[in-house]
Protein backbone atom coordinates (compact mmCIF):
# COMPACT_ATOMS: atom_id res chain seq x y z
CA MET A 1 75.78 66.55 66.18
CA ASP A 2 72.41 68.30 65.86
CA ILE A 3 70.97 69.26 62.49
CA GLN A 4 71.98 72.93 62.74
CA THR A 5 75.59 72.01 63.49
CA PHE A 6 75.45 69.51 60.64
CA TYR A 7 74.50 72.18 58.11
CA GLN A 8 76.99 74.66 59.54
CA THR A 9 79.72 72.04 59.19
CA TYR A 10 79.02 70.77 55.68
CA LEU A 11 77.29 73.62 53.82
CA SER A 12 79.54 75.25 51.24
CA GLU A 13 79.23 78.35 49.09
CA ASN A 14 78.29 76.10 46.19
CA GLU A 15 75.31 74.85 48.18
CA LEU A 16 74.14 78.43 48.74
CA VAL A 17 74.25 79.03 45.00
CA ARG A 18 72.47 75.74 44.33
CA ALA A 19 69.76 76.55 46.88
CA SER A 20 69.19 80.04 45.46
CA LEU A 21 68.84 78.73 41.92
CA PHE A 22 66.76 75.69 42.83
CA ASN A 23 64.33 77.55 45.08
CA SER A 24 64.22 80.76 43.04
CA GLY A 25 65.24 82.63 46.15
CA ASN A 26 68.29 84.33 47.53
CA PHE A 27 70.11 82.75 50.45
CA ALA A 28 72.89 85.15 51.32
CA THR A 29 74.08 83.32 54.42
CA ASN A 30 74.29 79.79 55.73
CA ASP A 31 72.00 80.70 58.62
CA ALA A 32 69.23 81.73 56.20
CA LEU A 33 69.46 78.44 54.33
CA ILE A 34 69.66 76.39 57.53
CA LYS A 35 66.46 77.98 58.85
CA TYR A 36 64.76 77.33 55.50
CA LYS A 37 65.79 73.64 55.52
CA VAL A 38 64.67 73.05 59.11
CA ASP A 39 61.29 74.68 58.39
CA GLU A 40 60.96 72.63 55.21
CA LEU A 41 61.29 69.38 57.17
CA GLU A 42 58.28 70.42 59.24
CA SER A 43 56.12 71.23 56.20
CA GLN A 44 54.09 68.28 54.89
CA SER A 45 53.23 70.14 51.70
CA ALA A 46 56.89 70.85 51.00
CA LEU A 47 57.83 67.22 51.61
CA HIS A 48 55.05 65.91 49.38
CA GLU A 49 56.18 68.25 46.62
CA MET A 50 59.70 66.89 46.97
CA PHE A 51 58.43 63.29 46.90
CA GLU A 52 57.03 63.86 43.40
CA HIS A 53 60.61 64.10 42.16
CA LEU A 54 62.10 61.38 44.38
CA SER A 55 63.40 58.31 42.56
CA MET A 56 62.93 54.82 43.94
CA ALA A 57 66.69 54.53 44.32
CA GLU A 58 66.51 57.50 46.70
CA ALA A 59 63.51 56.04 48.51
CA LYS A 60 65.40 52.77 48.97
CA LEU A 61 68.41 54.68 50.32
CA LEU A 62 66.27 56.45 52.93
CA ARG A 63 64.65 53.20 53.97
CA HIS A 64 68.02 51.50 54.32
CA LEU A 65 69.60 54.36 56.26
CA SER A 66 66.64 54.45 58.67
CA THR A 67 67.70 50.99 59.88
CA GLU A 68 71.37 51.95 60.28
CA THR A 69 73.08 53.58 63.25
CA ALA A 70 74.65 56.91 62.27
CA TYR A 71 77.94 57.96 63.81
CA ASP A 72 77.37 61.32 65.52
CA ASN A 73 73.98 61.47 63.73
CA VAL A 74 75.65 61.64 60.30
CA HIS A 75 75.23 58.99 57.60
CA ARG A 76 77.90 58.76 54.92
CA VAL A 77 76.79 57.81 51.40
CA SER A 78 78.15 57.96 47.86
CA TYR A 79 77.77 61.41 46.33
CA LEU A 80 76.13 60.43 43.03
CA PRO A 81 74.07 63.20 41.37
CA GLY A 82 72.91 60.76 38.71
CA LYS A 83 71.52 58.32 41.29
CA TYR A 84 70.37 60.67 44.08
CA PRO A 85 69.51 63.86 42.16
CA THR A 86 66.57 65.04 44.27
CA LEU A 87 68.21 64.52 47.67
CA ILE A 88 71.24 66.42 46.39
CA ASP A 89 69.25 69.21 44.71
CA TYR A 90 67.26 69.72 47.91
CA GLN A 91 70.47 69.88 49.99
CA TYR A 92 69.58 66.83 52.05
CA ILE A 93 72.71 65.05 50.85
CA LEU A 94 75.69 67.41 51.05
CA GLU A 95 79.06 66.85 49.42
CA ASP A 96 82.09 66.00 51.53
CA ASN A 97 85.54 65.19 50.17
CA GLY A 98 84.49 65.11 46.52
CA THR A 99 83.07 61.60 46.11
CA GLU A 100 81.42 61.19 49.52
CA GLY A 101 78.13 62.61 50.69
CA VAL A 102 76.62 63.14 54.13
CA ILE A 103 73.02 63.23 55.32
CA HIS A 104 71.79 63.92 58.85
CA ALA A 105 69.95 61.17 60.75
CA GLU A 106 67.05 63.53 61.54
CA VAL A 107 66.56 64.20 57.83
CA VAL A 108 66.53 60.45 57.15
CA ASN A 109 63.99 59.75 59.90
CA VAL A 110 61.66 62.61 58.92
CA LEU A 111 61.68 61.70 55.24
CA ASN A 112 61.34 57.97 55.91
CA SER A 113 58.32 58.50 58.20
CA ALA A 114 56.69 60.85 55.70
CA LEU A 115 57.21 58.31 52.91
CA GLN A 116 55.46 55.64 54.97
CA GLU A 117 52.51 57.95 55.63
CA THR A 118 52.10 58.63 51.91
CA GLY A 119 52.02 54.89 51.13
CA ILE A 120 55.17 55.02 49.02
CA PHE A 121 56.72 52.68 51.58
CA PRO A 122 54.80 49.62 52.79
CA TYR A 123 54.08 49.29 56.50
CA THR A 124 54.37 45.51 56.24
CA PRO A 125 56.72 43.19 54.30
CA MET A 126 55.59 42.46 50.74
CA SER A 127 56.21 38.74 51.02
CA ILE A 128 55.83 36.05 53.68
CA PRO A 129 58.64 33.59 54.53
CA ASP A 130 58.11 30.13 53.05
CA SER A 131 58.74 28.69 56.51
CA GLU A 132 55.46 30.24 57.69
CA THR A 133 52.44 28.03 57.08
CA ILE A 134 49.43 29.77 55.54
CA GLY A 135 46.17 27.83 55.59
CA PRO A 136 42.95 28.87 53.82
CA GLN A 137 41.83 30.57 57.02
CA ASP A 138 44.98 32.74 57.00
CA VAL A 139 44.73 34.07 53.44
CA SER A 140 43.62 37.47 54.77
CA LYS A 141 47.30 38.00 55.69
CA LEU A 142 47.88 38.65 52.01
CA ASP A 143 45.44 41.59 51.85
CA LYS A 144 48.04 44.17 52.88
CA ILE A 145 50.43 42.83 50.26
CA TYR A 146 48.23 43.06 47.16
CA ASN A 147 46.69 46.30 48.44
CA GLY A 148 50.08 47.82 49.31
CA PRO A 149 52.43 49.95 47.18
CA ILE A 150 52.74 48.23 43.80
CA TYR A 151 56.39 49.15 43.39
CA TRP A 152 57.41 47.20 46.47
CA LEU A 153 55.38 44.15 45.46
CA TYR A 154 57.14 43.97 42.09
CA ASN A 155 60.45 44.66 43.81
CA ASN A 156 60.15 40.99 44.91
CA LEU A 157 61.14 40.13 41.34
CA THR A 158 64.83 39.86 40.61
CA PHE A 159 66.55 41.87 37.89
CA LYS A 160 66.50 38.75 35.70
CA ASP A 161 62.79 38.13 36.43
CA LEU A 162 61.94 41.69 35.35
CA ARG A 163 64.00 41.38 32.20
CA ASN A 164 62.19 38.16 31.30
CA VAL A 165 58.80 39.83 31.86
CA MET A 166 59.85 42.66 29.56
CA SER A 167 60.94 40.18 26.93
CA LYS A 168 57.61 38.33 27.14
CA LEU A 169 55.66 41.55 26.79
CA ASN A 170 58.00 43.05 24.18
CA ILE A 171 58.75 46.07 26.38
CA LYS A 172 61.75 48.15 25.38
CA SER A 173 63.57 50.22 27.99
CA ILE A 174 66.26 52.82 27.54
CA GLY A 175 67.27 52.34 31.18
CA GLN A 176 69.65 49.74 32.55
CA TYR A 177 68.95 49.70 36.30
CA LYS A 178 66.40 47.64 38.19
CA ASP A 179 64.39 50.78 39.01
CA ASP A 180 64.05 51.50 35.29
CA TYR A 181 62.76 47.99 34.64
CA LEU A 182 60.35 48.10 37.58
CA ASN A 183 58.82 51.34 36.37
CA GLU A 184 58.45 50.04 32.81
CA VAL A 185 56.80 46.77 33.91
CA ILE A 186 54.41 48.48 36.33
CA ALA A 187 53.44 51.11 33.76
CA HIS A 188 52.52 48.44 31.21
CA LEU A 189 50.71 46.12 33.61
CA THR A 190 48.49 48.95 34.88
CA ALA A 191 47.60 50.21 31.37
CA PRO A 192 44.29 48.68 30.15
CA GLU A 193 45.24 49.28 26.52
CA TYR A 194 48.41 47.22 26.93
CA LEU A 195 47.17 44.33 29.10
CA PRO A 196 45.85 42.27 26.12
CA VAL A 197 49.51 41.67 25.23
CA ALA A 198 49.94 39.84 28.54
CA LEU A 199 46.57 38.07 28.35
CA ASN A 200 47.30 36.71 24.88
CA HIS A 201 50.19 34.68 26.30
CA LEU A 202 47.87 32.66 28.55
CA ASP A 203 46.44 29.31 27.53
CA GLU A 204 42.66 29.01 27.26
CA VAL A 205 42.16 27.56 30.75
CA ALA A 206 44.26 30.17 32.58
CA TYR A 207 42.77 32.95 30.43
CA ALA A 208 39.19 31.95 31.26
CA GLN A 209 39.88 31.55 34.98
CA ILE A 210 41.63 34.91 35.32
CA ARG A 211 38.77 36.58 33.44
CA ASP A 212 36.25 35.06 35.88
CA ASN A 213 38.35 35.88 38.94
CA ILE A 214 38.58 39.52 37.85
CA LYS A 215 34.79 39.74 37.89
CA LYS A 216 34.82 38.33 41.44
CA ASP A 217 37.59 40.67 42.65
CA TYR A 218 39.88 37.73 43.44
CA SER A 219 43.51 38.70 44.01
CA VAL A 220 44.87 35.53 45.64
CA TYR A 221 45.88 32.43 43.66
CA GLU A 222 47.32 29.13 44.80
CA ASN A 223 50.82 28.50 43.50
CA HIS A 224 50.04 25.98 40.75
CA PRO A 225 51.94 25.19 37.53
CA ARG A 226 48.98 26.46 35.48
CA TRP A 227 49.93 30.01 36.54
CA GLN A 228 53.53 29.85 35.33
CA THR A 229 52.83 32.00 32.26
CA ALA A 230 50.90 34.51 34.38
CA LEU A 231 53.99 34.79 36.57
CA GLU A 232 56.29 35.15 33.55
CA THR A 233 54.17 38.01 32.20
CA GLY A 234 53.90 39.77 35.58
CA LEU A 235 50.13 39.42 35.95
CA LEU A 236 50.76 37.49 39.18
CA VAL A 237 53.59 37.79 41.72
CA LYS A 238 54.78 35.07 44.07
CA VAL A 239 54.62 36.18 47.72
CA HIS A 240 54.80 32.78 49.46
CA GLN A 241 55.70 29.27 48.39
CA ASP A 242 51.98 28.42 48.31
CA TYR A 243 50.43 31.69 47.11
CA LEU A 244 50.53 34.22 44.29
CA VAL A 245 48.75 37.56 44.21
CA MET A 246 47.44 40.02 41.65
CA HIS A 247 47.98 43.61 42.75
CA ARG A 248 44.86 45.75 43.12
CA ASP A 249 46.12 48.22 40.48
CA VAL A 250 46.57 45.42 37.93
CA LEU A 251 43.13 44.06 38.84
CA ARG A 252 41.54 47.50 38.38
CA ALA A 253 43.20 47.91 35.00
CA LEU A 254 42.04 44.45 33.90
CA LYS A 255 38.46 45.39 34.79
CA LYS A 256 38.65 48.03 32.05
CA VAL A 257 39.74 45.53 29.39
CA ASP A 258 37.08 44.44 26.89
CA PHE A 259 37.73 40.70 26.87
CA SER A 260 35.26 40.16 24.04
CA LYS A 261 37.53 42.12 21.70
CA ILE A 262 40.76 40.35 22.58
CA GLY A 263 42.05 38.30 19.68
CA LYS A 264 44.34 35.73 21.20
CA GLU A 265 47.44 35.37 19.07
CA VAL A 266 49.34 32.62 20.85
CA GLN A 267 50.82 30.07 18.45
CA ALA A 268 52.21 26.66 19.20
CA GLU A 269 55.97 26.67 19.39
CA THR A 270 56.78 24.23 16.61
CA PRO A 271 59.53 24.31 13.99
CA GLU A 272 56.90 25.03 11.34
CA ASN A 273 56.14 28.54 12.57
CA TYR A 274 59.43 30.03 13.70
CA ASN A 275 62.98 30.26 12.43
CA ALA A 276 64.77 32.14 15.22
CA TYR A 277 65.22 32.49 18.96
CA HIS A 278 65.49 35.50 21.21
CA ILE A 279 68.06 34.66 23.87
CA THR A 280 69.29 36.82 26.73
CA CYS A 281 72.92 36.45 27.76
CA SER A 282 73.91 38.02 31.09
CA ILE A 283 77.07 38.06 33.19
CA ASN A 284 76.61 35.82 36.20
CA GLY A 285 77.07 37.97 39.31
CA CYS A 286 76.52 41.19 37.37
CA GLU A 287 73.14 40.66 35.70
CA GLU A 288 72.89 44.38 34.85
CA ILE A 289 75.25 43.56 31.97
CA PHE A 290 73.21 41.64 29.40
CA ARG A 291 72.60 41.29 25.68
CA THR A 292 69.34 40.08 24.17
CA ILE A 293 70.10 38.60 20.78
CA ALA A 294 67.97 37.31 17.92
CA ILE A 295 69.71 34.23 16.53
CA PRO A 296 68.65 31.93 13.68
CA THR A 297 67.81 28.30 14.39
CA ARG A 298 70.19 25.50 13.44
CA LEU A 299 73.32 27.15 14.79
CA ASN A 300 76.15 25.05 16.15
CA PHE A 301 77.86 25.80 19.45
CA LEU A 302 80.93 27.39 17.92
CA GLU A 303 78.70 29.82 16.02
CA LEU A 304 76.84 30.60 19.25
CA GLU A 305 80.17 31.21 20.99
CA ILE A 306 81.22 33.65 18.25
CA ILE A 307 77.92 35.53 18.63
CA ILE A 308 78.26 35.79 22.43
CA CYS A 309 81.86 36.98 22.29
CA GLU A 310 81.11 39.57 19.62
CA ALA A 311 78.06 40.78 21.57
CA PHE A 312 80.15 41.29 24.72
CA GLY A 313 83.17 42.74 22.89
CA TRP A 314 85.49 39.86 23.79
CA ASN A 315 88.50 38.84 21.72
CA ASN A 316 89.39 35.31 22.87
CA ILE A 317 86.95 33.38 20.69
CA GLY A 318 86.91 29.60 20.30
CA SER A 319 88.29 28.16 23.52
CA GLY A 320 85.33 28.66 25.88
CA GLN A 321 83.01 25.94 27.11
CA PHE A 322 79.26 25.40 27.39
CA ILE A 323 77.68 23.58 30.31
CA THR A 324 74.21 22.59 31.41
CA ASP A 325 73.35 21.19 34.82
CA LYS A 326 77.11 21.32 35.49
CA ASN A 327 77.81 18.91 32.62
CA LEU A 328 80.06 19.85 29.73
CA ILE A 329 78.12 19.97 26.47
CA ALA A 330 80.77 21.20 24.08
CA TYR A 331 81.18 17.59 22.93
CA ASP A 332 78.60 14.89 22.36
CA GLU A 333 79.01 11.22 23.28
CA ALA A 334 80.65 10.45 19.95
CA GLY A 335 83.25 13.15 20.49
CA ALA A 336 81.87 15.65 17.98
CA HIS A 337 83.36 19.13 18.31
CA LYS A 338 81.40 22.36 19.00
CA ASN A 339 81.05 23.11 15.31
CA ALA A 340 79.25 19.79 14.74
CA LEU A 341 76.82 20.00 17.67
CA MET A 342 73.56 21.92 17.17
CA THR A 343 72.24 24.27 19.85
CA ASP A 344 68.48 23.92 19.24
CA VAL A 345 67.68 20.98 21.51
CA TYR A 346 69.71 22.46 24.36
CA LEU A 347 68.24 25.96 24.04
CA ILE A 348 64.68 24.65 24.10
CA ASN A 349 65.10 22.07 26.86
CA GLU A 350 68.08 23.04 29.00
CA TYR A 351 69.54 25.86 31.09
CA ILE A 352 72.84 26.73 29.44
CA GLN A 353 75.90 28.63 30.64
CA TYR A 354 78.93 29.71 28.65
CA LEU A 355 82.31 29.78 30.39
CA TYR A 356 84.48 32.39 28.69
CA ASP A 357 88.15 31.47 28.58
CA SER A 358 89.94 34.36 30.29
CA GLU A 359 91.61 35.31 33.55
CA ASP A 360 88.28 36.70 34.77
CA ASP A 361 86.33 33.42 34.84
CA TYR A 362 83.29 35.14 33.37
CA VAL A 363 80.19 32.94 33.26
CA VAL A 364 77.38 33.87 30.87
CA ASP A 365 73.85 32.75 31.71
CA ILE A 366 71.89 31.98 28.53
CA ILE A 367 68.10 32.17 28.71
CA LEU A 368 65.70 31.40 25.85
CA ASP A 369 63.17 34.23 26.01
CA THR A 370 60.95 33.40 23.06
CA VAL A 371 60.79 31.97 19.57
CA THR A 372 60.21 34.30 16.66
CA ASN A 373 60.69 34.84 12.94
CA ILE A 374 63.42 36.78 11.17
CA THR A 375 63.72 37.65 7.47
CA LYS A 376 67.43 36.81 7.19
CA PRO A 377 69.42 34.15 9.08
CA ILE A 378 71.65 36.78 10.67
CA PRO A 379 72.09 37.27 14.45
CA GLU A 380 71.37 40.72 15.87
CA VAL A 381 71.62 42.36 19.30
CA VAL A 382 68.07 43.65 19.83
CA SER A 383 68.47 45.12 23.33
CA TYR A 384 71.22 45.47 25.88
CA GLY A 385 72.15 46.77 29.30
CA GLY A 386 75.40 47.62 30.99
CA ALA A 387 78.89 48.32 29.74
CA VAL A 388 81.28 46.07 27.86
CA PRO A 389 82.60 43.57 30.44
CA ILE A 390 86.32 44.37 30.49
CA GLU A 391 88.70 41.51 29.81
CA ASN A 392 91.49 40.52 32.20
CA ILE A 393 90.34 43.04 34.79
CA GLY A 394 90.34 40.61 37.72
CA GLY A 395 86.90 39.00 37.71
CA VAL A 396 83.32 40.11 38.33
CA THR A 397 84.00 41.81 41.67
CA LYS A 398 86.85 43.86 40.22
CA LEU A 399 84.74 44.62 37.13
CA ILE A 400 81.92 46.09 39.25
CA GLU A 401 84.42 48.13 41.27
CA THR A 402 86.06 49.43 38.08
CA LEU A 403 82.75 50.36 36.41
CA ASN A 404 81.63 52.22 39.55
CA ILE A 405 84.80 54.32 39.43
CA LEU A 406 84.37 54.96 35.71
CA GLU A 407 80.86 56.32 36.34
CA ASP A 408 82.25 59.02 38.64
CA LYS A 409 84.72 61.37 36.92
CA ASN A 410 85.41 63.04 40.27
CA HIS A 411 86.69 59.82 41.81
CA PRO A 412 90.36 60.19 42.83
CA ASP A 413 91.26 56.99 40.94
CA TYR A 414 89.26 57.82 37.81
CA VAL A 415 92.15 58.93 35.57
CA ASN A 416 94.32 55.88 36.28
CA VAL A 417 91.44 53.41 36.09
CA TYR A 418 90.15 54.94 32.85
CA ALA A 419 93.58 54.75 31.23
CA HIS A 420 93.96 51.12 32.34
CA ALA A 421 90.49 50.18 31.04
CA ARG A 422 91.02 51.89 27.70
CA ARG A 423 94.11 49.76 27.11
CA LYS A 424 91.80 46.77 27.24
CA ASN A 425 88.38 46.44 25.56
CA TYR A 426 86.49 49.08 27.58
CA ARG A 427 84.05 51.32 25.72
CA GLU A 428 82.20 54.22 27.32
CA ARG A 429 79.12 53.38 25.26
CA TYR A 430 78.11 49.99 23.97
CA PRO A 431 78.67 50.06 20.17
CA VAL A 432 75.52 48.15 19.24
CA SER A 433 75.50 49.30 15.59
CA ALA A 434 79.10 48.27 15.07
CA VAL A 435 78.48 44.91 16.75
CA ASN A 436 75.48 44.16 14.53
CA LYS A 437 77.37 45.17 11.41
CA LYS A 438 80.18 42.79 12.38
CA LEU A 439 77.69 39.97 13.00
CA ALA A 440 76.04 40.67 9.63
CA ARG A 441 79.42 40.45 7.87
CA LEU A 442 80.25 37.18 9.62
CA PHE A 443 76.94 35.43 9.01
CA ASN A 444 75.74 36.86 5.69
CA ARG A 445 77.39 34.09 3.69
CA GLY A 446 74.62 31.61 3.04
CA ASN A 447 76.54 28.79 4.77
CA PRO A 448 77.76 28.11 8.32
CA ILE A 449 80.83 30.17 9.12
CA THR A 450 82.55 27.32 10.99
């Protein structure tokens, strides 16, 4: 199917109205709009104007589709105006059968090539396989990585990595997708006025060496434990098992920082100067659903379990289990129960998971983000992402499938799935205020609640 036949097949009257409104023109016939769209694909200025509105989710879609074989030159994708707004507004993705969209292979190839020419897409991979040996004489291979598009370098970080960077730098985001987090992290790490926040986390040795390397325009670092904090704050990104890099845009921003005026505020993490932890709890296999919670020190495991269940909107409290390194830690060697075993030592020194007791086998990953101070010993959800993980829905895979349907009110199964979810603990919006009020009532007693 050629592109003209494609538009003749899938264009609807609604698309003519959309095109007329969006382009401030008047397309009375399909043929007029088809000619306009074909001409637009040949106009670099028109494409560049469109790219200013293109989201990274849309850019990723184009890149992915460019590697796929299209049946009869037509790619089928989800029709999601919230995720692909520009491609839909520009009539590159057309609606078919309500929830499905179609895009022509020629459109994909033209847009993908134009994106590469603008530098939005990298020409080369933004990491090198660990199996490939890189000696000192081969370090120049990294030039194209730290000089390439910054978005794709930081895309090497996982969703959890990005969330940890944001926690370290105290970045708040109203978004809940990886693209939202990427944009927030990049914006902060390329802002000279904000970079002292990241620099203040470094110890004196790493701080001094980075400051000197900036003067020398060094962007390549050997992967050494001394740079762990620089990785955690996003100043450096791992691109090979032996090498880390600092992107040119971060380096340029750091050159504008007045190091002489930076007052380093890092304090030793000792019990004398903090009385609370910030922990992030996320659903294993669906890390987009997370709750970052400020909790007081000296909690026992049953209290921690109550906090996690309340934060996720779960009802079956008290029968779950905690593990670390695949060992059960709900009981100590003497047989003490959860309400007699303190969490502090484990939170500081161990990687903990909570196994919620339900038919779904939900596993919650618990990460200690930072230590802090709070005025009252009351837990509080300080940031969150994703919906309430529905109970007894059939596990993580079924949860993701259900939430995807609930995001699309035009989905043929929406009504039945919504009714089923509402009979459980589903909420369209996470009730953070109500959750924190409940936690305050439970813990504002002056004594342990268990």
